[in-house]
Amino acid sequence: MENKPISRTLRLLSQLMELHEVNPFKIKSVANAAFKIDKLPFAIASKPTSDIEKIDGIGKSIAAKVIELLETGTIKELEEILLQTPPGIVEMLGIKGIGPKKISVIWHDLQIENVGELYYACNENRLIEAKGFGLKTQEEIKKVIEFKMAANGKFLYAHIEPTVNQLLTNLSLWLNKVDDNALLEITGEYRRAVEIIEEALFVIGTADIENLAKQIPAFADLDLKDIGDDTFTAHTESGLHIKLVLVPNADFYLNFFKLTGNKKHVAEVLKLAGDGPFLDENDIYAKAGLDFIAPELREGLDEIELALQHQLPILITDNDLKGTLHNHSDWSDGVHTLEEMAVYCKETLKIEYLGICDHSKSAFYAKGLNEQRVYAQHLQIDELNAKLAPFKIFKGIESDILNDGSLDYSDDILKTFDFVVASVHSNLRMDQEKATARLIKAIENPYTTILGHPTGRLLLSRKGYEIDYKKVIDACAANKVVIEINANPLRLDLDWRWHRYALEKGVLLSINPDAHRKEGFHDMRYGVMVARKGGLTASKCLNAFTLSEISTYFEQKANAKLI
């Protein structure tokens, strides 16, 4: 074994010892030994074991650990301390800018146990108020995590959207100069609004492929890696894979269609449509005897059957949303005041209502509201509603679902809210059976209005806990509980692949931004995007209800509890 892995192992041991508050003198001796071994001019493994403790900065105790590592490949003390430490916490030790002291705060004070949760907390501005942190540190941590997330070649749609749209604009301007008859579109998984993107695919139509192919390398915005006769690939600075495909103008729309849908969708449509020629995408679907299928739906599910039967849903749009539910203010871990959030909704977003859902008392790490603070917030809401009418703030709460499935307030408190979002924030490692039973018990609580981010997933960071989707959705149908589509780009949970089943069962969905600042409201558009993939219509979306409609809905829900 070379010196560097020995040094790294001892350094990890010292960091974990500091994290678990072992004797500081012992920590210092291990850390010093790690540093010394890394700088040795010779391989420590080449020395007789009796000589290792004589090396400057090592000593008898550290030598025993080194010898154990050389002979067994591990150190028992390290293995024992690793068993006491969540794997995500160990991973955090590799993040530049945060050492064991800060990680201890993240773990013990903020109840964050992996990098995905840490990134989500950065987006919520939760680190700013934590001991030893600040805005600068939070932003540095966020950038490092984003770099790590991008290293696997996968990107959140929301993260690459500005880059892709700017590239589309710049490419269009450049094409107008070199080939003013060229056609250009973004296609592939980006056009289908897939939540995780591996490639941005552009199709370019031209009357002279050979001539344009010679000029493509001059487009300054891309550092081309692979140049073919009609295909060019590149990577952005962040690592996003870019592909440009040149096609004849006459076949542009056929290729635009082919490169958009998944293989199953494309094959089935063209089997019905024939070989063309086609004027545009509408012409392709018309010749196939199909209603036009929106790009988001082209996933090879049941969309072709629905199009044949003229039963495609009229997909929800951004303009259909009349209000926003599940949002946080500075009463808990939000950035802006309740009044600032409400005024922004009324004056900037021009929507009719705001559902405020600050964290409940179990979320102490997020300044969750105890019963006295709930009462105080409700008084403020009454004052603001009088001031901002006809705009309305609904009294909501994001109530933690406890391990046994109960909510963390008594019925006497729960009945004071207009609506309750029930969410899991702790103990995410239950097996499927227990996790499902936990959710179902919460769903059966008569005060639960909305099931929040049902699996707790964080895209590219945390898979989320396993649940039996059908049982959970069936329980929501039976208890008339709405399921959230959490629109935060890191969550997008409920997964769009289960929207259809929920809608078939008569379950309403709600596109909730989970906003922790004013800017967070704009995440609703990402929720709309995945809701469209799931086939959601405005009539089946709770926050597409008007103020009058949703007020009636909440009142009926409250009256049902009295029966």
Protein backbone atom coordinates (compact mmCIF):
# COMPACT_ATOMS: atom_id res chain seq x y z
CA MET A 1 0.00 0.00 0.00
CA GLU A 2 1.31 3.43 -0.96
CA ASN A 3 1.58 6.34 1.42
CA LYS A 4 -1.33 8.36 0.01
CA PRO A 5 -4.11 5.81 0.69
CA ILE A 6 -2.65 5.27 4.18
CA SER A 7 -2.70 9.04 4.73
CA ARG A 8 -6.25 9.34 3.41
CA THR A 9 -7.45 6.55 5.68
CA LEU A 10 -5.96 8.20 8.76
CA ARG A 11 -7.32 11.58 7.71
CA LEU A 12 -10.82 10.08 7.40
CA LEU A 13 -10.42 8.52 10.83
CA SER A 14 -9.41 11.88 12.34
CA GLN A 15 -12.35 13.64 10.69
CA LEU A 16 -14.83 11.06 11.93
CA MET A 17 -13.33 11.20 15.40
CA GLU A 18 -13.80 14.99 15.37
CA LEU A 19 -17.36 14.54 14.12
CA HIS A 20 -18.08 12.21 17.05
CA GLU A 21 -16.22 14.47 19.51
CA VAL A 22 -13.50 12.03 20.52
CA ASN A 23 -10.61 13.25 22.73
CA PRO A 24 -9.12 16.27 20.85
CA PHE A 25 -5.52 15.21 21.62
CA LYS A 26 -6.16 11.82 20.00
CA ILE A 27 -7.73 13.52 16.98
CA LYS A 28 -4.74 15.80 16.60
CA SER A 29 -2.24 12.94 16.75
CA VAL A 30 -4.08 10.98 14.02
CA ALA A 31 -4.43 14.08 11.83
CA ASN A 32 -0.75 14.95 12.25
CA ALA A 33 0.28 11.40 11.38
CA ALA A 34 -1.86 11.52 8.23
CA PHE A 35 -0.07 14.70 7.16
CA LYS A 36 3.39 13.34 7.98
CA ILE A 37 2.89 10.05 6.13
CA ASP A 38 1.69 11.88 3.02
CA LYS A 39 4.96 13.86 2.95
CA LEU A 40 7.38 10.99 3.66
CA PRO A 41 10.16 10.61 1.04
CA PHE A 42 9.91 6.80 1.26
CA ALA A 43 7.16 4.16 1.24
CA ILE A 44 6.15 3.44 4.83
CA ALA A 45 5.09 -0.07 3.82
CA SER A 46 8.71 -0.85 2.90
CA LYS A 47 9.84 -0.39 6.50
CA PRO A 48 9.98 -3.23 9.04
CA THR A 49 6.97 -2.99 11.34
CA SER A 50 9.24 -2.46 14.33
CA ASP A 51 10.61 0.71 12.72
CA ILE A 52 7.28 2.38 11.90
CA GLU A 53 6.73 3.76 15.40
CA LYS A 54 10.18 5.38 15.23
CA ILE A 55 9.18 7.57 12.29
CA ASP A 56 8.82 11.22 13.30
CA GLY A 57 5.19 12.06 14.09
CA ILE A 58 3.98 8.46 14.24
CA GLY A 59 4.49 6.89 17.66
CA LYS A 60 3.41 3.54 19.05
CA SER A 61 -0.38 4.04 18.92
CA ILE A 62 -0.50 5.33 15.33
CA ALA A 63 2.03 2.73 14.24
CA ALA A 64 -0.32 0.00 15.46
CA LYS A 65 -3.10 1.44 13.29
CA VAL A 66 -0.80 1.67 10.26
CA ILE A 67 0.39 -1.92 10.71
CA GLU A 68 -3.20 -3.10 11.10
CA LEU A 69 -4.11 -1.28 7.89
CA LEU A 70 -1.16 -2.77 6.01
CA GLU A 71 -1.91 -6.30 7.22
CA THR A 72 -5.73 -6.34 7.01
CA GLY A 73 -6.62 -3.52 4.61
CA THR A 74 -8.63 -1.69 7.25
CA ILE A 75 -8.56 -0.31 10.79
CA LYS A 76 -11.05 -1.75 13.27
CA GLU A 77 -11.54 1.61 15.01
CA LEU A 78 -12.39 3.21 11.67
CA GLU A 79 -14.88 0.47 10.82
CA GLU A 80 -16.59 0.88 14.19
CA ILE A 81 -16.95 4.64 13.82
CA LEU A 82 -18.19 4.26 10.24
CA LEU A 83 -21.02 2.04 11.53
CA GLN A 84 -22.11 4.97 13.72
CA THR A 85 -22.09 7.44 10.82
CA PRO A 86 -24.62 7.69 7.96
CA PRO A 87 -22.91 7.10 4.57
CA GLY A 88 -24.13 10.50 3.37
CA ILE A 89 -22.32 12.22 6.21
CA VAL A 90 -19.09 10.46 5.24
CA GLU A 91 -19.61 11.65 1.67
CA MET A 92 -19.97 15.24 2.90
CA LEU A 93 -16.44 15.09 4.29
CA GLY A 94 -15.25 15.21 0.68
CA ILE A 95 -16.98 18.54 0.00
CA LYS A 96 -14.57 21.43 -0.19
CA GLY A 97 -15.35 24.20 2.27
CA ILE A 98 -16.92 22.21 5.09
CA GLY A 99 -15.04 20.31 7.74
CA PRO A 100 -16.18 18.09 10.61
CA LYS A 101 -17.35 21.01 12.78
CA LYS A 102 -19.71 22.32 10.10
CA ILE A 103 -20.83 18.81 9.18
CA SER A 104 -21.67 18.19 12.83
CA VAL A 105 -24.01 21.20 12.73
CA ILE A 106 -25.50 19.98 9.44
CA TRP A 107 -26.07 16.51 10.85
CA HIS A 108 -27.10 17.13 14.45
CA ASP A 109 -28.72 20.58 14.29
CA LEU A 110 -30.24 20.60 10.82
CA GLN A 111 -31.02 16.85 10.70
CA ILE A 112 -29.44 16.53 7.22
CA GLU A 113 -27.86 13.16 6.48
CA ASN A 114 -26.79 13.19 2.82
CA VAL A 115 -25.53 15.46 0.06
CA GLY A 116 -28.90 15.61 -1.68
CA GLU A 117 -30.59 16.89 1.47
CA LEU A 118 -27.75 19.37 1.94
CA TYR A 119 -28.22 20.72 -1.58
CA TYR A 120 -31.95 21.05 -1.00
CA ALA A 121 -31.25 22.91 2.25
CA CYS A 122 -28.96 25.31 0.36
CA ASN A 123 -31.81 26.03 -2.03
CA GLU A 124 -34.07 26.70 0.94
CA ASN A 125 -31.47 29.09 2.45
CA ARG A 126 -31.50 26.94 5.58
CA LEU A 127 -27.73 27.09 6.07
CA ILE A 128 -27.56 30.87 6.40
CA GLU A 129 -28.90 30.84 9.95
CA ALA A 130 -26.89 27.81 11.07
CA LYS A 131 -23.93 28.24 13.42
CA GLY A 132 -20.67 28.83 11.55
CA PHE A 133 -22.32 29.35 8.16
CA GLY A 134 -23.36 32.30 6.04
CA LEU A 135 -24.53 33.17 2.57
CA LYS A 136 -21.03 32.91 1.05
CA THR A 137 -20.37 29.46 2.54
CA GLN A 138 -23.82 28.27 1.48
CA GLU A 139 -23.26 29.37 -2.13
CA GLU A 140 -19.80 27.76 -2.24
CA ILE A 141 -21.22 24.46 -0.98
CA LYS A 142 -24.04 24.65 -3.51
CA LYS A 143 -21.59 25.14 -6.40
CA VAL A 144 -19.42 22.20 -5.31
CA ILE A 145 -22.45 19.91 -5.08
CA GLU A 146 -23.71 21.02 -8.50
CA PHE A 147 -20.30 20.18 -9.95
CA LYS A 148 -20.42 16.72 -8.37
CA MET A 149 -23.96 16.16 -9.64
CA ALA A 150 -22.93 17.10 -13.19
CA ALA A 151 -19.92 14.77 -13.13
CA ASN A 152 -22.10 11.76 -14.02
CA GLY A 153 -23.37 13.43 -17.21
CA LYS A 154 -26.93 13.86 -15.97
CA PHE A 155 -28.59 17.21 -15.33
CA LEU A 156 -31.83 18.50 -13.90
CA TYR A 157 -33.97 20.10 -16.60
CA ALA A 158 -34.17 23.33 -14.62
CA HIS A 159 -30.39 23.56 -14.25
CA ILE A 160 -29.62 23.35 -17.95
CA GLU A 161 -32.67 25.25 -19.23
CA PRO A 162 -30.93 28.68 -19.36
CA THR A 163 -27.89 27.18 -21.12
CA VAL A 164 -29.97 25.32 -23.71
CA ASN A 165 -32.24 28.27 -24.44
CA GLN A 166 -29.29 30.64 -24.83
CA LEU A 167 -27.56 28.18 -27.13
CA LEU A 168 -30.73 27.89 -29.20
CA THR A 169 -30.91 31.69 -29.52
CA ASN A 170 -27.24 32.09 -30.42
CA LEU A 171 -27.33 29.22 -32.89
CA SER A 172 -30.41 30.72 -34.55
CA LEU A 173 -28.73 34.14 -34.92
CA TRP A 174 -25.60 32.52 -36.37
CA LEU A 175 -27.59 30.41 -38.84
CA ASN A 176 -29.42 33.49 -40.08
CA LYS A 177 -26.05 34.88 -41.15
CA VAL A 178 -24.65 31.77 -42.86
CA ASP A 179 -27.84 30.13 -44.16
CA ASP A 180 -30.96 32.27 -43.95
CA ASN A 181 -33.16 29.41 -45.17
CA ALA A 182 -32.05 27.05 -42.42
CA LEU A 183 -34.56 25.58 -39.96
CA LEU A 184 -33.66 24.97 -36.31
CA GLU A 185 -35.36 23.32 -33.32
CA ILE A 186 -34.42 21.77 -29.98
CA THR A 187 -35.68 18.21 -29.80
CA GLY A 188 -35.10 14.96 -27.89
CA GLU A 189 -35.68 14.52 -24.17
CA TYR A 190 -35.46 18.27 -23.59
CA ARG A 191 -38.44 18.90 -25.86
CA ARG A 192 -40.34 16.11 -24.08
CA ALA A 193 -39.66 17.94 -20.79
CA VAL A 194 -38.00 14.93 -19.20
CA GLU A 195 -36.95 15.82 -15.67
CA ILE A 196 -33.37 14.52 -16.05
CA ILE A 197 -31.46 15.41 -19.21
CA GLU A 198 -28.38 13.64 -20.58
CA GLU A 199 -28.19 15.35 -23.98
CA ALA A 200 -29.39 18.54 -25.67
CA LEU A 201 -30.25 17.56 -29.24
CA PHE A 202 -30.67 20.17 -31.99
CA VAL A 203 -31.93 19.45 -35.50
CA ILE A 204 -30.97 21.83 -38.32
CA GLY A 205 -32.62 21.78 -41.71
CA THR A 206 -30.68 23.10 -44.70
CA ALA A 207 -30.79 23.01 -48.50
CA ASP A 208 -27.04 22.27 -48.64
CA ILE A 209 -25.81 19.94 -45.91
CA GLU A 210 -22.26 19.74 -47.25
CA ASN A 211 -21.83 23.52 -47.32
CA LEU A 212 -23.31 24.10 -43.82
CA ALA A 213 -21.30 21.21 -42.40
CA LYS A 214 -18.10 23.01 -43.42
CA GLN A 215 -19.19 26.15 -41.55
CA ILE A 216 -20.48 24.58 -38.31
CA PRO A 217 -16.97 24.44 -36.73
CA ALA A 218 -16.89 28.25 -36.97
CA PHE A 219 -19.81 28.55 -34.54
CA ALA A 220 -17.91 29.97 -31.57
CA ASP A 221 -20.30 28.92 -28.79
CA LEU A 222 -19.40 25.22 -29.04
CA ASP A 223 -16.08 23.45 -28.65
CA LEU A 224 -16.76 20.55 -31.01
CA LYS A 225 -15.46 17.13 -29.94
CA ASP A 226 -16.67 14.99 -32.81
CA ILE A 227 -17.24 16.23 -36.35
CA GLY A 228 -19.08 14.03 -38.86
CA ASP A 229 -20.66 14.57 -42.25
CA ASP A 230 -23.99 15.62 -40.77
CA THR A 231 -23.60 15.18 -36.97
CA PHE A 232 -21.57 17.30 -34.56
CA THR A 233 -21.09 16.79 -30.82
CA ALA A 234 -19.74 19.02 -28.08
CA HIS A 235 -19.86 19.60 -24.34
CA THR A 236 -20.69 22.79 -22.48
CA GLU A 237 -18.41 24.04 -19.70
CA SER A 238 -20.67 22.31 -17.20
CA GLY A 239 -20.33 18.99 -19.05
CA LEU A 240 -23.72 18.84 -20.81
CA HIS A 241 -23.53 16.76 -23.99
CA ILE A 242 -24.67 18.69 -27.10
CA LYS A 243 -25.50 17.17 -30.48
CA LEU A 244 -26.29 18.97 -33.74
CA VAL A 245 -27.89 16.94 -36.55
CA LEU A 246 -28.08 18.35 -40.08
CA VAL A 247 -30.94 17.17 -42.30
CA PRO A 248 -32.34 18.23 -45.69
CA ASN A 249 -34.97 20.97 -45.46
CA ALA A 250 -37.46 18.71 -47.23
CA ASP A 251 -37.20 16.13 -44.42
CA PHE A 252 -36.85 18.57 -41.54
CA TYR A 253 -40.22 17.97 -39.88
CA LEU A 254 -40.00 14.22 -40.26
CA ASN A 255 -36.63 14.25 -38.50
CA PHE A 256 -37.89 16.77 -35.95
CA PHE A 257 -40.65 14.26 -35.15
CA LYS A 258 -38.33 11.24 -35.13
CA LEU A 259 -35.83 12.87 -32.78
CA THR A 260 -38.51 14.03 -30.32
CA GLY A 261 -40.53 10.99 -29.30
CA ASN A 262 -39.16 7.81 -27.77
CA LYS A 263 -38.56 4.91 -30.16
CA LYS A 264 -41.84 3.13 -29.46
CA HIS A 265 -43.92 6.25 -30.05
CA VAL A 266 -42.12 7.13 -33.29
CA ALA A 267 -42.35 3.61 -34.71
CA GLU A 268 -46.07 3.25 -33.97
CA VAL A 269 -47.00 6.64 -35.44
CA LEU A 270 -44.97 6.15 -38.63
CA LYS A 271 -46.46 2.70 -39.07
CA LEU A 272 -49.84 4.43 -39.32
CA ALA A 273 -48.67 7.54 -41.20
CA GLY A 274 -46.60 5.92 -43.94
CA ASP A 275 -43.47 7.36 -45.55
CA GLY A 276 -44.62 10.88 -46.31
CA PRO A 277 -43.75 13.42 -47.53
CA PHE A 278 -45.02 15.51 -44.60
CA LEU A 279 -45.58 19.25 -44.43
CA ASP A 280 -45.05 19.41 -40.64
CA GLU A 281 -45.71 17.43 -37.47
CA ASN A 282 -49.44 18.11 -37.64
CA ASP A 283 -49.44 16.50 -41.08
CA ILE A 284 -47.70 13.39 -39.72
CA TYR A 285 -50.36 12.84 -37.07
CA ALA A 286 -53.17 13.68 -39.48
CA LYS A 287 -51.96 11.09 -42.01
CA ALA A 288 -51.72 8.58 -39.16
CA GLY A 289 -55.37 9.25 -38.33
CA LEU A 290 -54.40 10.65 -34.94
CA ASP A 291 -55.09 13.82 -33.02
CA PHE A 292 -51.90 15.86 -32.54
CA ILE A 293 -49.95 14.52 -29.55
CA ALA A 294 -48.07 17.06 -27.45
CA PRO A 295 -44.30 16.39 -27.20
CA GLU A 296 -44.53 15.81 -23.43
CA LEU A 297 -46.80 12.81 -23.99
CA ARG A 298 -44.66 11.03 -26.58
CA GLU A 299 -43.36 8.39 -24.19
CA GLY A 300 -44.83 5.23 -25.74
CA LEU A 301 -47.53 4.74 -23.12
CA ASP A 302 -51.22 4.97 -24.03
CA GLU A 303 -51.08 8.27 -25.92
CA ILE A 304 -51.57 6.75 -29.40
CA GLU A 305 -54.63 4.78 -28.31
CA LEU A 306 -56.10 7.94 -26.77
CA ALA A 307 -55.32 9.92 -29.93
CA LEU A 308 -57.04 7.32 -32.10
CA GLN A 309 -60.14 7.57 -29.90
CA HIS A 310 -60.00 11.40 -29.75
CA GLN A 311 -59.64 11.16 -25.97
CA LEU A 312 -56.34 12.95 -25.39
CA PRO A 313 -56.52 15.18 -22.32
CA ILE A 314 -56.49 18.96 -22.73
CA LEU A 315 -53.24 19.41 -20.83
CA ILE A 316 -52.90 21.94 -18.05
CA THR A 317 -50.98 25.17 -18.75
CA ASP A 318 -49.28 27.77 -16.55
CA ASN A 319 -52.21 30.13 -17.08
CA ASP A 320 -54.63 27.61 -15.60
CA LEU A 321 -53.19 28.01 -12.10
CA LYS A 322 -55.27 30.34 -9.95
CA GLY A 323 -53.30 30.06 -6.73
CA THR A 324 -50.38 28.43 -4.99
CA LEU A 325 -50.39 26.00 -2.07
CA HIS A 326 -47.59 24.66 0.15
CA ASN A 327 -45.26 27.61 0.69
CA HIS A 328 -43.04 28.76 3.55
CA SER A 329 -42.42 32.17 5.10
CA ASP A 330 -39.91 33.39 7.65
CA TRP A 331 -42.22 32.07 10.33
CA SER A 332 -40.32 28.81 9.73
CA ASP A 333 -37.43 28.36 7.27
CA GLY A 334 -38.55 30.72 4.51
CA VAL A 335 -36.65 33.87 3.52
CA HIS A 336 -39.45 36.40 3.07
CA THR A 337 -42.19 37.54 5.41
CA LEU A 338 -45.73 36.29 5.04
CA GLU A 339 -46.84 39.70 3.80
CA GLU A 340 -44.03 39.85 1.23
CA MET A 341 -44.99 36.41 -0.08
CA ALA A 342 -48.66 37.36 -0.29
CA VAL A 343 -48.10 40.73 -1.97
CA TYR A 344 -45.82 39.07 -4.54
CA CYS A 345 -48.53 36.55 -5.37
CA LYS A 346 -51.18 39.25 -5.66
CA GLU A 347 -49.28 41.96 -7.50
CA THR A 348 -46.57 40.15 -9.48
CA LEU A 349 -48.04 36.72 -10.18
CA LYS A 350 -51.62 38.05 -10.40
CA ILE A 351 -53.06 34.95 -8.75
CA GLU A 352 -56.02 34.78 -6.39
CA TYR A 353 -54.73 33.05 -3.27
CA LEU A 354 -51.73 31.82 -1.31
CA GLY A 355 -51.69 28.73 0.86
CA ILE A 356 -49.06 29.19 3.55
CA CYS A 357 -47.70 25.94 4.98
CA ASP A 358 -44.87 26.65 7.36
CA HIS A 359 -43.24 23.70 9.04
CA SER A 360 -44.85 22.05 12.05
CA LYS A 361 -43.39 21.68 15.50
CA SER A 362 -41.47 18.43 14.86
CA ALA A 363 -39.31 20.26 12.30
CA PHE A 364 -37.36 22.10 14.99
CA TYR A 365 -34.40 22.39 12.61
CA ALA A 366 -36.65 24.54 10.36
CA LYS A 367 -38.09 26.68 13.17
CA GLY A 368 -41.31 24.66 13.11
CA LEU A 369 -44.36 26.29 14.68
CA ASN A 370 -45.48 25.21 18.12
CA GLU A 371 -49.12 25.65 19.09
CA GLN A 372 -48.65 29.19 20.40
CA ARG A 373 -46.93 30.33 17.20
CA VAL A 374 -49.65 28.72 15.10
CA TYR A 375 -52.19 30.89 16.90
CA ALA A 376 -50.03 34.00 16.41
CA GLN A 377 -49.60 33.31 12.69
CA HIS A 378 -53.33 32.87 12.27
CA LEU A 379 -53.91 36.30 13.82
CA GLN A 380 -51.50 37.83 11.31
CA ILE A 381 -53.22 36.01 8.44
CA ASP A 382 -56.57 37.46 9.52
CA GLU A 383 -55.05 40.95 9.49
CA LEU A 384 -53.43 40.47 6.08
CA ASN A 385 -56.62 39.05 4.59
CA ALA A 386 -58.50 42.14 5.65
CA LYS A 387 -55.75 44.32 4.15
CA LEU A 388 -55.26 42.42 0.85
CA ALA A 389 -58.86 41.41 0.03
CA PRO A 390 -60.14 40.02 -2.28
CA PHE A 391 -56.79 38.17 -2.38
CA LYS A 392 -56.78 35.48 0.31
CA ILE A 393 -54.17 33.70 2.40
CA PHE A 394 -55.32 30.23 3.43
CA LYS A 395 -54.16 28.95 6.80
CA GLY A 396 -52.18 25.83 6.10
CA ILE A 397 -49.41 23.82 7.72
CA GLU A 398 -46.91 21.24 6.53
CA SER A 399 -47.48 18.75 9.30
CA ASP A 400 -44.80 16.12 9.79
CA ILE A 401 -45.87 12.51 9.45
CA LEU A 402 -44.32 10.78 12.44
CA ASN A 403 -42.88 7.24 12.42
CA ASP A 404 -46.22 5.66 13.26
CA GLY A 405 -48.12 7.66 10.62
CA SER A 406 -49.72 10.14 13.01
CA LEU A 407 -49.45 13.90 12.50
CA ASP A 408 -47.56 16.03 14.97
CA TYR A 409 -50.47 18.15 16.24
CA SER A 410 -53.60 17.24 18.15
CA ASP A 411 -56.97 17.35 16.41
CA ASP A 412 -57.76 20.56 18.30
CA ILE A 413 -54.89 22.29 16.51
CA LEU A 414 -55.33 20.57 13.14
CA LYS A 415 -58.96 21.73 12.89
CA THR A 416 -57.85 25.38 13.06
CA PHE A 417 -56.21 25.14 9.61
CA ASP A 418 -57.99 25.61 6.29
CA PHE A 419 -55.92 22.75 4.91
CA VAL A 420 -53.10 20.43 5.99
CA VAL A 421 -50.21 19.15 3.88
CA ALA A 422 -48.93 15.94 5.48
CA SER A 423 -45.29 15.16 4.65
CA VAL A 424 -42.49 12.83 5.71
CA HIS A 425 -39.22 14.54 6.64
CA SER A 426 -37.55 11.97 8.90
CA ASN A 427 -36.70 8.26 9.02
CA LEU A 428 -36.57 7.79 5.27
CA ARG A 429 -35.11 4.28 5.46
CA MET A 430 -38.22 2.28 6.26
CA ASP A 431 -38.88 -0.78 4.12
CA GLN A 432 -41.70 -0.58 1.58
CA GLU A 433 -44.32 -2.18 3.78
CA LYS A 434 -43.69 0.10 6.76
CA ALA A 435 -43.31 3.23 4.62
CA THR A 436 -46.58 2.46 2.83
CA ALA A 437 -48.44 1.79 6.08
CA ARG A 438 -47.06 5.02 7.53
CA LEU A 439 -48.38 7.08 4.60
CA ILE A 440 -51.74 5.34 4.55
CA LYS A 441 -52.32 6.08 8.23
CA ALA A 442 -51.54 9.76 7.59
CA ILE A 443 -53.85 9.75 4.57
CA GLU A 444 -56.64 8.29 6.71
CA ASN A 445 -56.32 11.15 9.19
CA PRO A 446 -59.49 13.21 8.55
CA TYR A 447 -57.50 16.45 8.75
CA THR A 448 -55.07 15.56 5.96
CA THR A 449 -55.90 17.55 2.83
CA ILE A 450 -52.81 16.99 0.69
CA LEU A 451 -50.12 14.31 0.76
CA GLY A 452 -46.85 16.23 0.33
CA HIS A 453 -43.88 15.01 -1.80
CA PRO A 454 -44.98 11.37 -1.43
CA THR A 455 -41.60 9.62 -1.76
CA GLY A 456 -39.24 12.28 -0.42
CA ARG A 457 -36.99 11.88 -3.45
CA LEU A 458 -34.31 14.40 -4.44
CA LEU A 459 -33.45 13.94 -8.10
CA LEU A 460 -29.84 12.89 -8.81
CA SER A 461 -29.24 12.84 -5.06
CA ARG A 462 -31.69 10.69 -3.13
CA LYS A 463 -33.88 7.95 -4.53
CA GLY A 464 -36.65 8.42 -2.01
CA TYR A 465 -38.25 5.76 0.14
CA GLU A 466 -39.91 2.76 -1.45
CA ILE A 467 -43.71 2.76 -1.35
CA ASP A 468 -46.48 0.71 -2.90
CA TYR A 469 -47.75 3.44 -5.20
CA LYS A 470 -51.05 1.77 -5.97
CA LYS A 471 -51.93 1.24 -2.30
CA VAL A 472 -51.03 4.84 -1.44
CA ILE A 473 -52.97 6.28 -4.38
CA ASP A 474 -55.93 4.02 -3.66
CA ALA A 475 -55.93 5.25 -0.06
CA CYS A 476 -55.93 8.87 -1.28
CA ALA A 477 -58.89 8.07 -3.53
CA ALA A 478 -60.80 6.43 -0.69
CA ASN A 479 -60.14 9.31 1.72
CA LYS A 480 -60.43 12.15 -0.81
CA VAL A 481 -56.87 13.28 -0.18
CA VAL A 482 -55.11 15.34 -2.84
CA ILE A 483 -51.62 14.27 -3.95
CA GLU A 484 -48.96 16.91 -4.37
CA ILE A 485 -46.81 17.35 -7.44
CA ASN A 486 -43.98 19.10 -5.63
CA ALA A 487 -42.75 21.50 -8.29
CA ASN A 488 -39.31 22.12 -6.83
CA PRO A 489 -37.01 20.97 -9.68
CA LEU A 490 -35.11 18.80 -7.21
CA ARG A 491 -38.25 16.87 -6.28
CA LEU A 492 -40.99 16.77 -8.98
CA ASP A 493 -42.68 14.29 -6.69
CA LEU A 494 -45.26 12.63 -7.31
CA ASP A 495 -43.40 11.15 -10.30
CA TRP A 496 -45.29 11.86 -13.55
CA ARG A 497 -45.33 8.14 -14.37
CA TRP A 498 -47.95 7.69 -11.64
CA HIS A 499 -50.15 10.68 -12.46
CA ARG A 500 -52.32 8.68 -14.86
CA TYR A 501 -53.11 6.03 -12.28
CA ALA A 502 -54.03 8.70 -9.72
CA LEU A 503 -56.27 10.48 -12.23
CA GLU A 504 -57.95 7.21 -13.22
CA LYS A 505 -58.77 6.67 -9.53
CA GLY A 506 -60.33 10.13 -9.29
CA VAL A 507 -57.57 11.66 -7.18
CA LEU A 508 -56.99 15.39 -7.49
CA LEU A 509 -53.39 16.59 -7.89
CA SER A 510 -51.95 19.91 -6.76
CA ILE A 511 -48.94 21.64 -8.33
CA ASN A 512 -47.16 23.06 -5.28
CA PRO A 513 -43.90 25.03 -5.51
CA ASP A 514 -42.82 24.42 -1.90
CA ALA A 515 -41.52 27.99 -2.17
CA HIS A 516 -39.21 29.24 0.56
CA ARG A 517 -38.78 32.67 -1.02
CA LYS A 518 -40.66 34.79 -3.55
CA GLU A 519 -38.61 33.50 -6.48
CA GLY A 520 -39.60 29.94 -5.56
CA PHE A 521 -43.15 30.49 -6.79
CA HIS A 522 -41.82 30.36 -10.35
CA ASP A 523 -40.99 26.68 -9.86
CA MET A 524 -44.66 25.99 -10.49
CA ARG A 525 -43.86 25.99 -14.21
CA TYR A 526 -41.66 22.90 -13.71
CA GLY A 527 -44.55 21.27 -11.91
CA VAL A 528 -46.80 22.10 -14.84
CA MET A 529 -44.27 20.56 -17.23
CA VAL A 530 -44.24 17.19 -15.49
CA ALA A 531 -47.98 17.38 -14.83
CA ARG A 532 -48.47 17.66 -18.60
CA LYS A 533 -46.33 14.54 -19.03
CA GLY A 534 -48.65 12.81 -16.60
CA GLY A 535 -51.76 13.90 -18.51
CA LEU A 536 -53.10 16.37 -15.93
CA THR A 537 -55.97 18.66 -16.91
CA ALA A 538 -56.96 21.90 -15.18
CA SER A 539 -60.19 20.36 -13.86
CA LYS A 540 -58.20 17.76 -11.90
CA CYS A 541 -55.70 20.21 -10.40
CA LEU A 542 -56.61 21.65 -6.99
CA ASN A 543 -54.79 24.96 -7.40
CA ALA A 544 -56.38 25.51 -10.80
CA PHE A 545 -59.62 26.02 -8.83
CA THR A 546 -60.75 29.63 -8.52
CA LEU A 547 -60.77 31.28 -5.09
CA SER A 548 -64.49 30.61 -4.80
CA GLU A 549 -64.12 26.97 -5.87
CA ILE A 550 -61.24 26.15 -3.56
CA SER A 551 -62.91 27.94 -0.63
CA THR A 552 -65.95 25.72 -1.15
CA TYR A 553 -63.69 22.65 -1.44
CA PHE A 554 -61.97 23.40 1.89
CA GLU A 555 -65.31 24.12 3.58
CA GLN A 556 -66.79 20.83 2.38
CA LYS A 557 -63.71 18.98 3.60
CA ALA A 558 -64.10 20.64 7.02
CA ASN A 559 -67.81 19.86 7.19
CA ALA A 560 -67.16 16.22 6.31
CA LYS A 561 -65.07 15.89 9.49
CA LEU A 562 -68.09 16.86 11.58
CA ILE A 563 -70.27 14.09 10.20
